[in-house]
Protein backbone atom coordinates (compact mmCIF):
# COMPACT_ATOMS: atom_id res chain seq x y z
CA MET A 1 0.00 0.00 0.00
CA SER A 2 1.21 3.50 -0.73
CA LYS A 3 1.67 6.26 1.82
CA PRO A 4 -1.34 7.48 3.82
CA LEU A 5 -3.26 10.62 2.90
CA THR A 6 -1.88 13.74 4.55
CA VAL A 7 -2.74 17.43 4.77
CA GLY A 8 -1.55 19.11 1.57
CA ASP A 9 -2.03 16.10 -0.74
CA VAL A 10 -3.98 16.74 -3.96
CA VAL A 11 -6.75 14.28 -4.84
CA HIS A 12 -7.36 14.46 -8.58
CA GLY A 13 -10.63 14.75 -10.46
CA PHE A 14 -13.55 12.40 -9.92
CA ALA A 15 -11.59 10.32 -7.36
CA TYR A 16 -13.53 7.22 -8.47
CA GLY A 17 -16.65 8.59 -6.80
CA ALA A 18 -15.15 8.89 -3.30
CA PHE A 19 -16.73 12.35 -2.84
CA GLY A 20 -19.97 11.54 -4.67
CA ARG A 21 -21.05 11.29 -8.28
CA ASP A 22 -21.14 15.05 -8.94
CA HIS A 23 -17.59 15.78 -7.80
CA TYR A 24 -15.18 16.35 -10.72
CA HIS A 25 -12.56 18.87 -9.58
CA CYS A 26 -9.19 18.40 -7.94
CA VAL A 27 -9.04 19.18 -4.22
CA ARG A 28 -6.29 19.67 -1.65
CA ILE A 29 -6.66 17.85 1.68
CA GLU A 30 -7.11 20.28 4.58
CA ALA A 31 -7.82 17.91 7.49
CA VAL A 32 -7.44 14.21 8.19
CA GLY A 33 -8.74 11.85 10.83
CA PRO A 34 -8.46 8.13 11.43
CA ASP A 35 -11.09 7.31 8.78
CA TRP A 36 -12.08 10.65 7.17
CA ILE A 37 -10.72 13.62 5.22
CA VAL A 38 -11.84 17.15 4.40
CA ALA A 39 -10.59 18.65 1.13
CA ARG A 40 -11.21 21.80 -0.87
CA ASP A 41 -10.38 23.54 -4.13
CA PRO A 42 -9.24 26.98 -2.95
CA ASP A 43 -10.37 28.59 -6.21
CA ALA A 44 -13.89 27.15 -6.11
CA GLU A 45 -15.45 29.25 -3.36
CA TRP A 46 -18.89 28.35 -4.70
CA HIS A 47 -18.31 24.66 -4.01
CA GLY A 48 -17.20 24.55 -0.37
CA PRO A 49 -15.36 21.67 1.28
CA SER A 50 -15.59 18.04 0.21
CA PHE A 51 -15.87 15.32 2.84
CA THR A 52 -15.43 11.57 2.68
CA ALA A 53 -15.07 8.79 5.21
CA GLY A 54 -14.59 5.04 5.39
CA ARG A 55 -11.86 2.67 4.29
CA ARG A 56 -13.03 2.16 0.69
CA SER A 57 -13.48 5.89 0.04
CA LEU A 58 -10.04 6.68 1.42
CA GLU A 59 -8.49 3.92 -0.70
CA LEU A 60 -10.12 5.52 -3.76
CA CYS A 61 -8.68 8.91 -2.76
CA ILE A 62 -5.21 7.38 -2.44
CA GLU A 63 -5.54 5.95 -5.97
CA ALA A 64 -6.68 9.32 -7.33
CA ARG A 65 -3.84 11.12 -5.53
CA ASP A 66 -1.22 8.76 -6.96
CA GLU A 67 -2.42 8.88 -10.59
CA PRO A 68 -1.92 11.73 -13.09
CA CYS A 69 -4.53 14.47 -13.12
CA PRO A 70 -7.28 13.80 -15.70
CA ASN A 71 -8.49 17.43 -15.77
CA ASP A 72 -5.53 19.46 -16.97
CA LYS A 73 -1.88 19.16 -17.74
CA PRO A 74 -0.56 20.19 -15.27
CA CYS A 75 -3.11 19.81 -12.51
CA PRO A 76 -4.66 23.16 -11.53
CA LEU A 77 -3.54 22.60 -7.92
CA ALA A 78 -0.10 21.08 -8.62
CA ASP A 79 1.90 24.30 -8.56
CA ARG A 80 0.21 25.78 -5.52
CA GLN A 81 1.50 25.23 -2.05
CA PRO A 82 -0.84 24.39 0.82
CA PRO A 83 -1.76 27.29 3.13
CA LEU A 84 0.83 28.38 5.67
CA THR A 85 -1.65 28.50 8.54
CA SER A 86 -4.31 26.11 9.78
CA ALA A 87 -7.02 28.77 9.87
C-alpha cells in the first residue's frame, strides 16, 4: 500500500466517486482523521469543502492522488503550495 493521505495532498478529479457522483474537480486535503478527510479547491469558493469517510473511500482517494490528473496538464492545484496556517 502507498503512503497514507496527509494534509496538503492533492486528490485528482472524480476520485472514483469517493466524494460523490457530482464531484469532478481536484481538491487539496485540509484535514485528516483516522477514517475521514476534508478537502477543498481553494479557487472554487462556490463549491465549499468536500468530505469523505470510510476505508473504501479513502483507498479511492489514495488511488486518485497517486495517478496523473485527468483534468488538466498540469493539474490546476499542482503548482500551488498548501496554506501556511491552519485557519
